[in-house]
Amino acid sequence: MATCEVCGNEYLRAFEVHMAGRVHTFDSFECAIQKLAPTCGNCGCRVIGHGIEAGMDVFCCAHCAGVAGHADARDHLTV
């Protein structure tokens, strides 16, 4: 069994995530998201999708990027 680095739970089905040269061990996707997902530069929510990068920040949507001063940011548009 392995121990989750976020909650400390020892779990038979723990998994590893290899990211930026480091190995992380988690017992759930929830813990992995809390540890590894970036937070929106405006509202602070965890960005678990593609998000929007503007300047040096990550945002959950174009609205949040716009509030932070990136007026040209756009969400993905379909044709």
PDB file of N, CA and C in Angstrom:
ATOM      1  N   MET A   1       0.845  -1.186   0.000  1.00  0.00           N
ATOM      2  CA  MET A   1       0.000   0.000   0.000  1.00  0.00           C
ATOM      3  C   MET A   1       0.882   1.238   0.000  1.00  0.00           C
ATOM      4  N   ALA A   2       0.313   2.298  -0.541  1.00  0.00           N
ATOM      5  CA  ALA A   2       1.023   3.569  -0.600  1.00  0.00           C
ATOM      6  C   ALA A   2       0.225   4.624   0.153  1.00  0.00           C
ATOM      7  N   THR A   3       0.903   5.684   0.543  1.00  0.00           N
ATOM      8  CA  THR A   3       0.276   6.751   1.309  1.00  0.00           C
ATOM      9  C   THR A   3       0.084   7.990   0.439  1.00  0.00           C
ATOM     10  N   CYS A   4      -1.126   8.537   0.461  1.00  0.00           N
ATOM     11  CA  CYS A   4      -1.442   9.755  -0.291  1.00  0.00           C
ATOM     12  C   CYS A   4      -0.694  10.936   0.331  1.00  0.00           C
ATOM     13  N   GLU A   5      -0.020  11.705  -0.498  1.00  0.00           N
ATOM     14  CA  GLU A   5       0.757  12.832   0.026  1.00  0.00           C
ATOM     15  C   GLU A   5      -0.112  14.024   0.421  1.00  0.00           C
ATOM     16  N   VAL A   6      -1.396  14.013   0.082  1.00  0.00           N
ATOM     17  CA  VAL A   6      -2.281  15.113   0.473  1.00  0.00           C
ATOM     18  C   VAL A   6      -3.011  14.795   1.768  1.00  0.00           C
ATOM     19  N   CYS A   7      -3.701  13.650   1.816  1.00  0.00           N
ATOM     20  CA  CYS A   7      -4.550  13.354   2.977  1.00  0.00           C
ATOM     21  C   CYS A   7      -3.948  12.334   3.940  1.00  0.00           C
ATOM     22  N   GLY A   8      -2.873  11.664   3.516  1.00  0.00           N
ATOM     23  CA  GLY A   8      -2.220  10.701   4.389  1.00  0.00           C
ATOM     24  C   GLY A   8      -2.860   9.331   4.431  1.00  0.00           C
ATOM     25  N   ASN A   9      -3.911   9.129   3.636  1.00  0.00           N
ATOM     26  CA  ASN A   9      -4.594   7.843   3.598  1.00  0.00           C
ATOM     27  C   ASN A   9      -3.695   6.769   2.983  1.00  0.00           C
ATOM     28  N   GLU A  10      -3.631   5.626   3.626  1.00  0.00           N
ATOM     29  CA  GLU A  10      -2.933   4.479   3.048  1.00  0.00           C
ATOM     30  C   GLU A  10      -3.955   3.699   2.241  1.00  0.00           C
ATOM     31  N   TYR A  11      -3.669   3.488   0.962  1.00  0.00           N
ATOM     32  CA  TYR A  11      -4.673   2.939   0.060  1.00  0.00           C
ATOM     33  C   TYR A  11      -4.048   1.927  -0.876  1.00  0.00           C
ATOM     34  N   LEU A  12      -4.720   0.801  -1.039  1.00  0.00           N
ATOM     35  CA  LEU A  12      -4.235  -0.270  -1.897  1.00  0.00           C
ATOM     36  C   LEU A  12      -4.165   0.160  -3.361  1.00  0.00           C
ATOM     37  N   ARG A  13      -5.091   1.016  -3.783  1.00  0.00           N
ATOM     38  CA  ARG A  13      -5.152   1.421  -5.189  1.00  0.00           C
ATOM     39  C   ARG A  13      -4.610   2.837  -5.412  1.00  0.00           C
ATOM     40  N   ALA A  14      -3.667   3.248  -4.614  1.00  0.00           N
ATOM     41  CA  ALA A  14      -3.024   4.546  -4.812  1.00  0.00           C
ATOM     42  C   ALA A  14      -2.339   4.559  -6.181  1.00  0.00           C
ATOM     43  N   PHE A  15      -2.137   5.748  -6.708  1.00  0.00           N
ATOM     44  CA  PHE A  15      -1.494   5.864  -8.020  1.00  0.00           C
ATOM     45  C   PHE A  15      -0.447   6.970  -7.981  1.00  0.00           C
ATOM     46  N   GLU A  16       0.442   6.936  -8.953  1.00  0.00           N
ATOM     47  CA  GLU A  16       1.506   7.924  -9.052  1.00  0.00           C
ATOM     48  C   GLU A  16       1.261   8.850 -10.232  1.00  0.00           C
ATOM     49  N   VAL A  17       1.642  10.091 -10.069  1.00  0.00           N
ATOM     50  CA  VAL A  17       1.636  11.062 -11.155  1.00  0.00           C
ATOM     51  C   VAL A  17       3.065  11.574 -11.282  1.00  0.00           C
ATOM     52  N   HIS A  18       3.616  11.464 -12.476  1.00  0.00           N
ATOM     53  CA  HIS A  18       4.960  11.962 -12.756  1.00  0.00           C
ATOM     54  C   HIS A  18       4.806  13.321 -13.423  1.00  0.00           C
ATOM     55  N   MET A  19       5.321  14.370 -12.766  1.00  0.00           N
ATOM     56  CA  MET A  19       5.137  15.736 -13.279  1.00  0.00           C
ATOM     57  C   MET A  19       6.370  16.573 -12.958  1.00  0.00           C
ATOM     58  N   ALA A  20       6.900  17.194 -13.980  1.00  0.00           N
ATOM     59  CA  ALA A  20       8.049  18.100 -13.827  1.00  0.00           C
ATOM     60  C   ALA A  20       9.204  17.439 -13.083  1.00  0.00           C
ATOM     61  N   GLY A  21       9.473  16.178 -13.407  1.00  0.00           N
ATOM     62  CA  GLY A  21      10.605  15.479 -12.821  1.00  0.00           C
ATOM     63  C   GLY A  21      10.379  14.949 -11.410  1.00  0.00           C
ATOM     64  N   ARG A  22       9.169  15.082 -10.883  1.00  0.00           N
ATOM     65  CA  ARG A  22       8.856  14.587  -9.544  1.00  0.00           C
ATOM     66  C   ARG A  22       7.761  13.530  -9.623  1.00  0.00           C
ATOM     67  N   VAL A  23       7.751  12.653  -8.642  1.00  0.00           N
ATOM     68  CA  VAL A  23       6.730  11.614  -8.559  1.00  0.00           C
ATOM     69  C   VAL A  23       5.844  11.915  -7.358  1.00  0.00           C
ATOM     70  N   HIS A  24       4.532  11.968  -7.596  1.00  0.00           N
ATOM     71  CA  HIS A  24       3.552  12.239  -6.550  1.00  0.00           C
ATOM     72  C   HIS A  24       2.671  11.012  -6.383  1.00  0.00           C
ATOM     73  N   THR A  25       2.263  10.729  -5.153  1.00  0.00           N
ATOM     74  CA  THR A  25       1.400   9.584  -4.864  1.00  0.00           C
ATOM     75  C   THR A  25       0.090  10.075  -4.263  1.00  0.00           C
ATOM     76  N   PHE A  26      -1.030   9.586  -4.833  1.00  0.00           N
ATOM     77  CA  PHE A  26      -2.353  10.006  -4.396  1.00  0.00           C
ATOM     78  C   PHE A  26      -3.282   8.807  -4.260  1.00  0.00           C
ATOM     79  N   ASP A  27      -4.317   8.990  -3.438  1.00  0.00           N
ATOM     80  CA  ASP A  27      -5.327   7.947  -3.308  1.00  0.00           C
ATOM     81  C   ASP A  27      -6.580   8.261  -4.105  1.00  0.00           C
ATOM     82  N   SER A  28      -6.681   9.491  -4.649  1.00  0.00           N
ATOM     83  CA  SER A  28      -7.862   9.881  -5.423  1.00  0.00           C
ATOM     84  C   SER A  28      -7.502  11.016  -6.371  1.00  0.00           C
ATOM     85  N   PHE A  29      -8.336  11.179  -7.399  1.00  0.00           N
ATOM     86  CA  PHE A  29      -8.140  12.311  -8.301  1.00  0.00           C
ATOM     87  C   PHE A  29      -8.373  13.615  -7.557  1.00  0.00           C
ATOM     88  N   GLU A  30      -9.275  13.616  -6.594  1.00  0.00           N
ATOM     89  CA  GLU A  30      -9.537  14.826  -5.807  1.00  0.00           C
ATOM     90  C   GLU A  30      -8.257  15.332  -5.143  1.00  0.00           C
ATOM     91  N   CYS A  31      -7.508  14.433  -4.527  1.00  0.00           N
ATOM     92  CA  CYS A  31      -6.253  14.843  -3.879  1.00  0.00           C
ATOM     93  C   CYS A  31      -5.225  15.295  -4.910  1.00  0.00           C
ATOM     94  N   ALA A  32      -5.168  14.603  -6.061  1.00  0.00           N
ATOM     95  CA  ALA A  32      -4.226  14.998  -7.113  1.00  0.00           C
ATOM     96  C   ALA A  32      -4.549  16.403  -7.616  1.00  0.00           C
ATOM     97  N   ILE A  33      -5.824  16.701  -7.801  1.00  0.00           N
ATOM     98  CA  ILE A  33      -6.233  18.026  -8.257  1.00  0.00           C
ATOM     99  C   ILE A  33      -5.848  19.083  -7.231  1.00  0.00           C
ATOM    100  N   GLN A  34      -6.105  18.818  -5.961  1.00  0.00           N
ATOM    101  CA  GLN A  34      -5.780  19.795  -4.921  1.00  0.00           C
ATOM    102  C   GLN A  34      -4.293  20.104  -4.879  1.00  0.00           C
ATOM    103  N   LYS A  35      -3.472  19.126  -5.160  1.00  0.00           N
ATOM    104  CA  LYS A  35      -2.021  19.310  -5.096  1.00  0.00           C
ATOM    105  C   LYS A  35      -1.437  19.899  -6.386  1.00  0.00           C
ATOM    106  N   LEU A  36      -1.946  19.460  -7.550  1.00  0.00           N
ATOM    107  CA  LEU A  36      -1.257  19.750  -8.800  1.00  0.00           C
ATOM    108  C   LEU A  36      -1.941  20.751  -9.729  1.00  0.00           C
ATOM    109  N   ALA A  37      -3.258  20.884  -9.650  1.00  0.00           N
ATOM    110  CA  ALA A  37      -3.957  21.772 -10.588  1.00  0.00           C
ATOM    111  C   ALA A  37      -3.681  23.233 -10.225  1.00  0.00           C
ATOM    112  N   PRO A  38      -3.461  24.057 -11.245  1.00  0.00           N
ATOM    113  CA  PRO A  38      -3.250  25.479 -10.957  1.00  0.00           C
ATOM    114  C   PRO A  38      -4.551  26.122 -10.487  1.00  0.00           C
ATOM    115  N   THR A  39      -4.436  27.266  -9.848  1.00  0.00           N
ATOM    116  CA  THR A  39      -5.622  28.014  -9.444  1.00  0.00           C
ATOM    117  C   THR A  39      -5.807  29.209 -10.371  1.00  0.00           C
ATOM    118  N   CYS A  40      -7.054  29.571 -10.602  1.00  0.00           N
ATOM    119  CA  CYS A  40      -7.389  30.718 -11.450  1.00  0.00           C
ATOM    120  C   CYS A  40      -6.786  31.975 -10.835  1.00  0.00           C
ATOM    121  N   GLY A  41      -6.147  32.784 -11.666  1.00  0.00           N
ATOM    122  CA  GLY A  41      -5.530  34.024 -11.211  1.00  0.00           C
ATOM    123  C   GLY A  41      -6.524  35.083 -10.772  1.00  0.00           C
ATOM    124  N   ASN A  42      -7.813  34.849 -10.998  1.00  0.00           N
ATOM    125  CA  ASN A  42      -8.821  35.810 -10.571  1.00  0.00           C
ATOM    126  C   ASN A  42      -9.692  35.260  -9.451  1.00  0.00           C
ATOM    127  N   CYS A  43     -10.392  34.153  -9.681  1.00  0.00           N
ATOM    128  CA  CYS A  43     -11.364  33.675  -8.681  1.00  0.00           C
ATOM    129  C   CYS A  43     -10.801  32.619  -7.737  1.00  0.00           C
ATOM    130  N   GLY A  44      -9.647  32.047  -8.082  1.00  0.00           N
ATOM    131  CA  GLY A  44      -9.007  31.089  -7.188  1.00  0.00           C
ATOM    132  C   GLY A  44      -9.472  29.654  -7.306  1.00  0.00           C
ATOM    133  N   CYS A  45     -10.432  29.366  -8.205  1.00  0.00           N
ATOM    134  CA  CYS A  45     -10.877  27.974  -8.341  1.00  0.00           C
ATOM    135  C   CYS A  45      -9.777  27.146  -9.000  1.00  0.00           C
ATOM    136  N   ARG A  46      -9.828  25.844  -8.812  1.00  0.00           N
ATOM    137  CA  ARG A  46      -8.852  24.951  -9.447  1.00  0.00           C
ATOM    138  C   ARG A  46      -9.190  24.818 -10.926  1.00  0.00           C
ATOM    139  N   VAL A  47      -8.191  24.939 -11.776  1.00  0.00           N
ATOM    140  CA  VAL A  47      -8.376  24.817 -13.219  1.00  0.00           C
ATOM    141  C   VAL A  47      -8.057  23.371 -13.587  1.00  0.00           C
ATOM    142  N   ILE A  48      -9.107  22.591 -13.843  1.00  0.00           N
ATOM    143  CA  ILE A  48      -8.898  21.168 -14.147  1.00  0.00           C
ATOM    144  C   ILE A  48      -9.108  20.860 -15.622  1.00  0.00           C
ATOM    145  N   GLY A  49      -9.472  21.868 -16.401  1.00  0.00           N
ATOM    146  CA  GLY A  49      -9.570  21.728 -17.852  1.00  0.00           C
ATOM    147  C   GLY A  49      -8.401  22.454 -18.491  1.00  0.00           C
ATOM    148  N   HIS A  50      -8.608  22.888 -19.710  1.00  0.00           N
ATOM    149  CA  HIS A  50      -7.542  23.594 -20.421  1.00  0.00           C
ATOM    150  C   HIS A  50      -7.294  24.976 -19.843  1.00  0.00           C
ATOM    151  N   GLY A  51      -8.341  25.648 -19.412  1.00  0.00           N
ATOM    152  CA  GLY A  51      -8.168  26.998 -18.889  1.00  0.00           C
ATOM    153  C   GLY A  51      -7.663  27.943 -19.964  1.00  0.00           C
ATOM    154  N   ILE A  52      -7.273  29.112 -19.542  1.00  0.00           N
ATOM    155  CA  ILE A  52      -6.749  30.136 -20.452  1.00  0.00           C
ATOM    156  C   ILE A  52      -5.468  30.689 -19.849  1.00  0.00           C
ATOM    157  N   GLU A  53      -4.418  30.717 -20.638  1.00  0.00           N
ATOM    158  CA  GLU A  53      -3.177  31.331 -20.201  1.00  0.00           C
ATOM    159  C   GLU A  53      -3.102  32.728 -20.782  1.00  0.00           C
ATOM    160  N   ALA A  54      -2.862  33.698 -19.915  1.00  0.00           N
ATOM    161  CA  ALA A  54      -2.707  35.083 -20.356  1.00  0.00           C
ATOM    162  C   ALA A  54      -1.587  35.695 -19.528  1.00  0.00           C
ATOM    163  N   GLY A  55      -0.612  36.253 -20.230  1.00  0.00           N
ATOM    164  CA  GLY A  55       0.568  36.727 -19.516  1.00  0.00           C
ATOM    165  C   GLY A  55       1.238  35.536 -18.852  1.00  0.00           C
ATOM    166  N   MET A  56       1.534  35.653 -17.582  1.00  0.00           N
ATOM    167  CA  MET A  56       2.167  34.557 -16.840  1.00  0.00           C
ATOM    168  C   MET A  56       1.160  33.823 -15.950  1.00  0.00           C
ATOM    169  N   ASP A  57      -0.136  34.095 -16.131  1.00  0.00           N
ATOM    170  CA  ASP A  57      -1.166  33.531 -15.267  1.00  0.00           C
ATOM    171  C   ASP A  57      -2.056  32.544 -16.004  1.00  0.00           C
ATOM    172  N   VAL A  58      -2.731  31.703 -15.227  1.00  0.00           N
ATOM    173  CA  VAL A  58      -3.726  30.767 -15.740  1.00  0.00           C
ATOM    174  C   VAL A  58      -5.074  31.196 -15.179  1.00  0.00           C
ATOM    175  N   PHE A  59      -6.101  31.137 -16.028  1.00  0.00           N
ATOM    176  CA  PHE A  59      -7.449  31.501 -15.622  1.00  0.00           C
ATOM    177  C   PHE A  59      -8.404  30.387 -16.010  1.00  0.00           C
ATOM    178  N   CYS A  60      -9.520  30.296 -15.287  1.00  0.00           N
ATOM    179  CA  CYS A  60     -10.496  29.255 -15.581  1.00  0.00           C
ATOM    180  C   CYS A  60     -11.327  29.594 -16.817  1.00  0.00           C
ATOM    181  N   CYS A  61     -11.468  30.879 -17.154  1.00  0.00           N
ATOM    182  CA  CYS A  61     -12.294  31.290 -18.287  1.00  0.00           C
ATOM    183  C   CYS A  61     -11.880  32.683 -18.756  1.00  0.00           C
ATOM    184  N   ALA A  62     -12.413  33.081 -19.918  1.00  0.00           N
ATOM    185  CA  ALA A  62     -12.094  34.394 -20.475  1.00  0.00           C
ATOM    186  C   ALA A  62     -12.612  35.519 -19.589  1.00  0.00           C
ATOM    187  N   HIS A  63     -13.739  35.301 -18.938  1.00  0.00           N
ATOM    188  CA  HIS A  63     -14.278  36.336 -18.044  1.00  0.00           C
ATOM    189  C   HIS A  63     -13.256  36.669 -16.951  1.00  0.00           C
ATOM    190  N   CYS A  64     -12.730  35.642 -16.286  1.00  0.00           N
ATOM    191  CA  CYS A  64     -11.754  35.882 -15.218  1.00  0.00           C
ATOM    192  C   CYS A  64     -10.484  36.517 -15.754  1.00  0.00           C
ATOM    193  N   ALA A  65     -10.046  36.096 -16.934  1.00  0.00           N
ATOM    194  CA  ALA A  65      -8.865  36.720 -17.532  1.00  0.00           C
ATOM    195  C   ALA A  65      -9.136  38.191 -17.817  1.00  0.00           C
ATOM    196  N   GLY A  66     -10.337  38.511 -18.300  1.00  0.00           N
ATOM    197  CA  GLY A  66     -10.706  39.886 -18.582  1.00  0.00           C
ATOM    198  C   GLY A  66     -10.736  40.744 -17.324  1.00  0.00           C
ATOM    199  N   VAL A  67     -11.289  40.196 -16.240  1.00  0.00           N
ATOM    200  CA  VAL A  67     -11.326  40.929 -14.968  1.00  0.00           C
ATOM    201  C   VAL A  67      -9.911  41.248 -14.505  1.00  0.00           C
ATOM    202  N   ALA A  68      -8.984  40.354 -14.801  1.00  0.00           N
ATOM    203  CA  ALA A  68      -7.595  40.545 -14.392  1.00  0.00           C
ATOM    204  C   ALA A  68      -6.805  41.421 -15.367  1.00  0.00           C
ATOM    205  N   GLY A  69      -7.492  41.983 -16.368  1.00  0.00           N
ATOM    206  CA  GLY A  69      -6.827  42.919 -17.269  1.00  0.00           C
ATOM    207  C   GLY A  69      -6.441  42.379 -18.629  1.00  0.00           C
ATOM    208  N   HIS A  70      -6.851  41.177 -18.955  1.00  0.00           N
ATOM    209  CA  HIS A  70      -6.536  40.584 -20.257  1.00  0.00           C
ATOM    210  C   HIS A  70      -7.792  40.616 -21.128  1.00  0.00           C
ATOM    211  N   ALA A  71      -8.161  41.801 -21.597  1.00  0.00           N
ATOM    212  CA  ALA A  71      -9.412  42.014 -22.323  1.00  0.00           C
ATOM    213  C   ALA A  71      -9.494  41.223 -23.626  1.00  0.00           C
ATOM    214  N   ASP A  72      -8.356  40.854 -24.205  1.00  0.00           N
ATOM    215  CA  ASP A  72      -8.372  40.134 -25.472  1.00  0.00           C
ATOM    216  C   ASP A  72      -8.528  38.613 -25.292  1.00  0.00           C
ATOM    217  N   ALA A  73      -8.595  38.120 -24.084  1.00  0.00           N
ATOM    218  CA  ALA A  73      -8.736  36.678 -23.844  1.00  0.00           C
ATOM    219  C   ALA A  73     -10.101  36.212 -24.307  1.00  0.00           C
ATOM    220  N   ARG A  74     -10.148  35.045 -24.950  1.00  0.00           N
ATOM    221  CA  ARG A  74     -11.393  34.487 -25.458  1.00  0.00           C
ATOM    222  C   ARG A  74     -11.477  33.010 -25.086  1.00  0.00           C
ATOM    223  N   ASP A  75     -12.695  32.575 -24.736  1.00  0.00           N
ATOM    224  CA  ASP A  75     -12.930  31.154 -24.560  1.00  0.00           C
ATOM    225  C   ASP A  75     -12.919  30.494 -25.921  1.00  0.00           C
ATOM    226  N   HIS A  76     -12.793  29.171 -25.939  1.00  0.00           N
ATOM    227  CA  HIS A  76     -12.818  28.411 -27.190  1.00  0.00           C
ATOM    228  C   HIS A  76     -14.172  28.602 -27.873  1.00  0.00           C
ATOM    229  N   LEU A  77     -14.141  28.963 -29.131  1.00  0.00           N
ATOM    230  CA  LEU A  77     -15.368  29.157 -29.881  1.00  0.00           C
ATOM    231  C   LEU A  77     -15.524  28.041 -30.906  1.00  0.00           C
ATOM    232  N   THR A  78     -16.729  27.576 -31.088  1.00  0.00           N
ATOM    233  CA  THR A  78     -16.986  26.581 -32.115  1.00  0.00           C
ATOM    234  C   THR A  78     -17.649  27.267 -33.301  1.00  0.00           C
ATOM    235  N   VAL A  79     -17.418  26.726 -34.473  1.00  0.00           N
ATOM    236  CA  VAL A  79     -17.980  27.320 -35.691  1.00  0.00           C
ATOM    237  C   VAL A  79     -19.161  26.521 -36.130  1.00  0.00           C
TER     238      VAL A  79
END
